[in-house]
Structure formats: C-alpha cells, structure tokens
Amino acid sequence: MEHTRGKLEALQNELRAVEAELEKFSSDRQQIDALEAVCIALDKLSELKAGELFWKGLNADQSAEKHLHRVRQHIAGFEGKISGVLEKQSALQVQVEQKLDELDDLSELVRDAYEREERRKEEFLIERDVSVLPFRKMIMP
C-alpha cells in the first residue's frame, strides 16, 4: 500500500504540474477561441457571398484570403501545442484513477484480513480437561 501511495503521490504531483502548465495557456486559449469564432463567422459570410460586407475597403481580396489562411495556421499550431499537454493530462488522470482503484482494492484486502483476524480471536477455544475414565470390564450378553 505504501508503494502504491508513493506512486499515487508522484502522479498527483505530476498532474498538478501539467495543470499549472495548462493554466498558463488559459488566457491564450480564450484568445484563440475568440479568433476561431471570428474565422467561423467569416467563413459563414463567405458562404453567403457577403464577404465584401466585412472586407470592404481592403485593397485586394487575395490578401484577405492569405491572412485568413495564416490565422488558421496559427490556430492549428496553438491547438497542436496544447493538445500534447491535454493528452498528457488525460493520461495522468487515467493513471491516478488506476492507482486509486488499486489502493481501494488493497484497503479492502487489509480490512478483510483484519476482520478475519478479529473473528478468529473471538472464537471460543474449546478446552477440555482430559480425565481418566475408570476401567470397566466389558460384559458380554
């Protein structure tokens, strides 16, 4: 149990470190989510053939498409960078759950062993004094 608790503690420390790393990305994550929403809205405008409502005043439509492509690449790069951290977090959470289950199983085994020992101690020990029976001759009918 001590070995499993030690491993569990190490996993929990590692998980806290990963969560702290994810916390660093939280403001970036909000910005990227907003940027992605803008890209989706611009795509919808493009589908409705109303892109000029937004892009009006720009010199060339080509530059707008290139810019959108660069923005999408930036979003994909951020998602790739954070996905590795998210995968590590989920893997650590699975390992922590496994160790917790293992500890539960071990605790149950220990509890059962203690209960068996208590029941064994509570059993009555039958003690009889050995007494010598007097010798009697067998009488045959």
C-alpha atoms as a PDB file:
ATOM      1  CA  MET A   1       0.000   0.000   0.000  1.00  0.00           C
ATOM      2  CA  GLU A   2       2.866   2.381   0.810  1.00  0.00           C
ATOM      3  CA  HIS A   3       4.408   1.707  -2.581  1.00  0.00           C
ATOM      4  CA  THR A   4       1.100   2.450  -4.321  1.00  0.00           C
ATOM      5  CA  ARG A   5       0.554   5.564  -2.217  1.00  0.00           C
ATOM      6  CA  GLY A   6       4.013   6.788  -3.175  1.00  0.00           C
ATOM      7  CA  LYS A   7       3.310   6.265  -6.860  1.00  0.00           C
ATOM      8  CA  LEU A   8      -0.071   7.959  -6.477  1.00  0.00           C
ATOM      9  CA  GLU A   9       1.519  10.977  -4.803  1.00  0.00           C
ATOM     10  CA  ALA A  10       4.111  11.230  -7.596  1.00  0.00           C
ATOM     11  CA  LEU A  11       1.374  11.031 -10.238  1.00  0.00           C
ATOM     12  CA  GLN A  12      -0.689  13.677  -8.465  1.00  0.00           C
ATOM     13  CA  ASN A  13       2.327  16.000  -8.292  1.00  0.00           C
ATOM     14  CA  GLU A  14       2.961  15.477 -11.984  1.00  0.00           C
ATOM     15  CA  LEU A  15      -0.719  16.122 -12.723  1.00  0.00           C
ATOM     16  CA  ARG A  16      -0.577  19.379 -10.732  1.00  0.00           C
ATOM     17  CA  ALA A  17       2.437  20.457 -12.783  1.00  0.00           C
ATOM     18  CA  VAL A  18       0.593  19.738 -16.036  1.00  0.00           C
ATOM     19  CA  GLU A  19      -2.474  21.620 -14.806  1.00  0.00           C
ATOM     20  CA  ALA A  20      -0.250  24.585 -13.895  1.00  0.00           C
ATOM     21  CA  GLU A  21       1.177  24.460 -17.404  1.00  0.00           C
ATOM     22  CA  LEU A  22      -2.345  24.429 -18.835  1.00  0.00           C
ATOM     23  CA  GLU A  23      -3.231  27.382 -16.614  1.00  0.00           C
ATOM     24  CA  LYS A  24      -0.505  29.355 -18.383  1.00  0.00           C
ATOM     25  CA  PHE A  25      -2.369  28.768 -21.637  1.00  0.00           C
ATOM     26  CA  SER A  26      -5.777  29.798 -20.298  1.00  0.00           C
ATOM     27  CA  SER A  27      -5.660  33.426 -21.483  1.00  0.00           C
ATOM     28  CA  ASP A  28      -4.122  32.340 -24.794  1.00  0.00           C
ATOM     29  CA  ARG A  29      -6.842  29.715 -25.073  1.00  0.00           C
ATOM     30  CA  GLN A  30      -9.575  32.330 -24.705  1.00  0.00           C
ATOM     31  CA  GLN A  31      -7.939  34.497 -27.366  1.00  0.00           C
ATOM     32  CA  ILE A  32      -7.565  31.574 -29.760  1.00  0.00           C
ATOM     33  CA  ASP A  33     -11.185  30.535 -29.178  1.00  0.00           C
ATOM     34  CA  ALA A  34     -12.339  34.074 -29.992  1.00  0.00           C
ATOM     35  CA  LEU A  35     -10.115  34.122 -33.090  1.00  0.00           C
ATOM     36  CA  GLU A  36     -11.548  30.784 -34.185  1.00  0.00           C
ATOM     37  CA  ALA A  37     -15.083  32.126 -33.736  1.00  0.00           C
ATOM     38  CA  VAL A  38     -14.181  35.084 -35.952  1.00  0.00           C
ATOM     39  CA  CYS A  39     -12.834  32.745 -38.625  1.00  0.00           C
ATOM     40  CA  ILE A  40     -16.008  30.672 -38.497  1.00  0.00           C
ATOM     41  CA  ALA A  41     -18.119  33.827 -38.822  1.00  0.00           C
ATOM     42  CA  LEU A  42     -16.022  34.983 -41.802  1.00  0.00           C
ATOM     43  CA  ASP A  43     -16.454  31.573 -43.419  1.00  0.00           C
ATOM     44  CA  LYS A  44     -20.204  31.886 -42.981  1.00  0.00           C
ATOM     45  CA  LEU A  45     -20.106  35.338 -44.576  1.00  0.00           C
ATOM     46  CA  SER A  46     -18.129  33.867 -47.455  1.00  0.00           C
ATOM     47  CA  GLU A  47     -20.661  31.050 -47.876  1.00  0.00           C
ATOM     48  CA  LEU A  48     -23.440  33.635 -48.037  1.00  0.00           C
ATOM     49  CA  LYS A  49     -21.376  35.524 -50.606  1.00  0.00           C
ATOM     50  CA  ALA A  50     -21.440  38.557 -48.331  1.00  0.00           C
ATOM     51  CA  GLY A  51     -17.732  38.678 -47.534  1.00  0.00           C
ATOM     52  CA  GLU A  52     -17.465  42.161 -49.011  1.00  0.00           C
ATOM     53  CA  LEU A  53     -19.513  43.463 -46.073  1.00  0.00           C
ATOM     54  CA  PHE A  54     -16.550  42.759 -43.831  1.00  0.00           C
ATOM     55  CA  TRP A  55     -13.639  43.091 -46.258  1.00  0.00           C
ATOM     56  CA  LYS A  56     -14.872  46.286 -47.870  1.00  0.00           C
ATOM     57  CA  GLY A  57     -12.089  48.843 -48.003  1.00  0.00           C
ATOM     58  CA  LEU A  58      -9.208  46.360 -48.369  1.00  0.00           C
ATOM     59  CA  ASN A  59      -7.067  46.602 -51.468  1.00  0.00           C
ATOM     60  CA  ALA A  60      -7.234  43.015 -52.642  1.00  0.00           C
ATOM     61  CA  ASP A  61      -9.334  40.003 -51.778  1.00  0.00           C
ATOM     62  CA  GLN A  62      -6.231  37.799 -52.171  1.00  0.00           C
ATOM     63  CA  SER A  63      -4.547  39.409 -49.187  1.00  0.00           C
ATOM     64  CA  ALA A  64      -7.648  38.739 -47.061  1.00  0.00           C
ATOM     65  CA  GLU A  65      -7.608  35.052 -48.010  1.00  0.00           C
ATOM     66  CA  LYS A  66      -3.888  34.781 -47.283  1.00  0.00           C
ATOM     67  CA  HIS A  67      -4.380  36.484 -43.936  1.00  0.00           C
ATOM     68  CA  LEU A  68      -7.213  34.110 -43.010  1.00  0.00           C
ATOM     69  CA  HIS A  69      -5.004  31.190 -44.009  1.00  0.00           C
ATOM     70  CA  ARG A  70      -2.172  32.450 -41.749  1.00  0.00           C
ATOM     71  CA  VAL A  71      -4.636  32.937 -38.881  1.00  0.00           C
ATOM     72  CA  ARG A  72      -5.921  29.396 -39.305  1.00  0.00           C
ATOM     73  CA  GLN A  73      -2.366  28.073 -39.314  1.00  0.00           C
ATOM     74  CA  HIS A  74      -1.702  29.984 -36.099  1.00  0.00           C
ATOM     75  CA  ILE A  75      -4.824  28.453 -34.540  1.00  0.00           C
ATOM     76  CA  ALA A  76      -3.791  24.967 -35.701  1.00  0.00           C
ATOM     77  CA  GLY A  77      -0.294  25.469 -34.279  1.00  0.00           C
ATOM     78  CA  PHE A  78      -1.675  26.501 -30.908  1.00  0.00           C
ATOM     79  CA  GLU A  79      -4.094  23.564 -30.893  1.00  0.00           C
ATOM     80  CA  GLY A  80      -1.204  21.220 -31.686  1.00  0.00           C
ATOM     81  CA  LYS A  81       0.915  22.659 -28.892  1.00  0.00           C
ATOM     82  CA  ILE A  82      -1.839  22.449 -26.290  1.00  0.00           C
ATOM     83  CA  SER A  83      -3.128  19.040 -27.447  1.00  0.00           C
ATOM     84  CA  GLY A  84       0.094  17.363 -26.275  1.00  0.00           C
ATOM     85  CA  VAL A  85      -0.361  18.860 -22.821  1.00  0.00           C
ATOM     86  CA  LEU A  86      -4.050  17.863 -22.764  1.00  0.00           C
ATOM     87  CA  GLU A  87      -3.185  14.296 -23.770  1.00  0.00           C
ATOM     88  CA  LYS A  88      -0.579  14.127 -21.025  1.00  0.00           C
ATOM     89  CA  GLN A  89      -3.150  15.432 -18.527  1.00  0.00           C
ATOM     90  CA  SER A  90      -5.743  12.838 -19.520  1.00  0.00           C
ATOM     91  CA  ALA A  91      -3.150  10.028 -19.403  1.00  0.00           C
ATOM     92  CA  LEU A  92      -2.080  11.118 -15.918  1.00  0.00           C
ATOM     93  CA  GLN A  93      -5.703  11.290 -14.777  1.00  0.00           C
ATOM     94  CA  VAL A  94      -6.246   7.722 -16.002  1.00  0.00           C
ATOM     95  CA  GLN A  95      -3.135   6.572 -14.115  1.00  0.00           C
ATOM     96  CA  VAL A  96      -4.277   8.383 -10.953  1.00  0.00           C
ATOM     97  CA  GLU A  97      -7.679   6.685 -11.199  1.00  0.00           C
ATOM     98  CA  GLN A  98      -5.982   3.305 -11.623  1.00  0.00           C
ATOM     99  CA  LYS A  99      -3.809   3.878  -8.559  1.00  0.00           C
ATOM    100  CA  LEU A 100      -6.839   4.993  -6.538  1.00  0.00           C
ATOM    101  CA  ASP A 101      -8.673   1.820  -7.580  1.00  0.00           C
ATOM    102  CA  GLU A 102      -5.609  -0.235  -6.672  1.00  0.00           C
ATOM    103  CA  LEU A 103      -5.460   1.455  -3.258  1.00  0.00           C
ATOM    104  CA  ASP A 104      -9.156   0.764  -2.715  1.00  0.00           C
ATOM    105  CA  ASP A 105      -8.615  -2.902  -3.549  1.00  0.00           C
ATOM    106  CA  LEU A 106      -5.624  -3.138  -1.229  1.00  0.00           C
ATOM    107  CA  SER A 107      -7.524  -1.377   1.558  1.00  0.00           C
ATOM    108  CA  GLU A 108     -10.382  -3.828   1.183  1.00  0.00           C
ATOM    109  CA  LEU A 109      -7.978  -6.768   1.341  1.00  0.00           C
ATOM    110  CA  VAL A 110      -6.360  -5.389   4.505  1.00  0.00           C
ATOM    111  CA  ARG A 111      -9.758  -4.711   6.064  1.00  0.00           C
ATOM    112  CA  ASP A 112     -10.870  -8.263   5.262  1.00  0.00           C
ATOM    113  CA  ALA A 113      -7.686  -9.662   6.793  1.00  0.00           C
ATOM    114  CA  TYR A 114      -8.238  -7.653   9.983  1.00  0.00           C
ATOM    115  CA  GLU A 115     -11.861  -8.814  10.165  1.00  0.00           C
ATOM    116  CA  ARG A 116     -10.800 -12.455   9.749  1.00  0.00           C
ATOM    117  CA  GLU A 117      -8.227 -11.996  12.493  1.00  0.00           C
ATOM    118  CA  GLU A 118     -10.833 -10.426  14.807  1.00  0.00           C
ATOM    119  CA  ARG A 119     -13.267 -13.275  14.135  1.00  0.00           C
ATOM    120  CA  ARG A 120     -10.510 -15.774  14.813  1.00  0.00           C
ATOM    121  CA  LYS A 121      -9.737 -14.093  18.135  1.00  0.00           C
ATOM    122  CA  GLU A 122     -13.408 -14.093  19.134  1.00  0.00           C
ATOM    123  CA  GLU A 123     -13.879 -17.795  18.507  1.00  0.00           C
ATOM    124  CA  PHE A 124     -14.268 -19.892  21.613  1.00  0.00           C
ATOM    125  CA  LEU A 125     -11.479 -22.239  22.159  1.00  0.00           C
ATOM    126  CA  ILE A 126     -12.878 -25.469  23.400  1.00  0.00           C
ATOM    127  CA  GLU A 127     -10.695 -26.754  26.144  1.00  0.00           C
ATOM    128  CA  ARG A 128     -11.395 -29.978  27.953  1.00  0.00           C
ATOM    129  CA  ASP A 129      -9.620 -31.424  30.827  1.00  0.00           C
ATOM    130  CA  VAL A 130      -8.566 -34.844  29.994  1.00  0.00           C
ATOM    131  CA  SER A 131      -9.822 -37.085  32.705  1.00  0.00           C
ATOM    132  CA  VAL A 132      -9.009 -40.657  33.064  1.00  0.00           C
ATOM    133  CA  LEU A 133     -12.039 -42.823  32.773  1.00  0.00           C
ATOM    134  CA  PRO A 134     -12.207 -45.721  35.161  1.00  0.00           C
ATOM    135  CA  PHE A 135     -11.599 -49.085  33.645  1.00  0.00           C
ATOM    136  CA  ARG A 136     -14.681 -51.159  33.249  1.00  0.00           C
ATOM    137  CA  LYS A 137     -14.787 -54.667  32.136  1.00  0.00           C
ATOM    138  CA  MET A 138     -16.889 -55.414  29.177  1.00  0.00           C
ATOM    139  CA  ILE A 139     -19.824 -57.585  29.938  1.00  0.00           C
ATOM    140  CA  MET A 140     -20.974 -59.684  27.129  1.00  0.00           C
ATOM    141  CA  PRO A 141     -24.583 -60.687  26.968  1.00  0.00           C
END
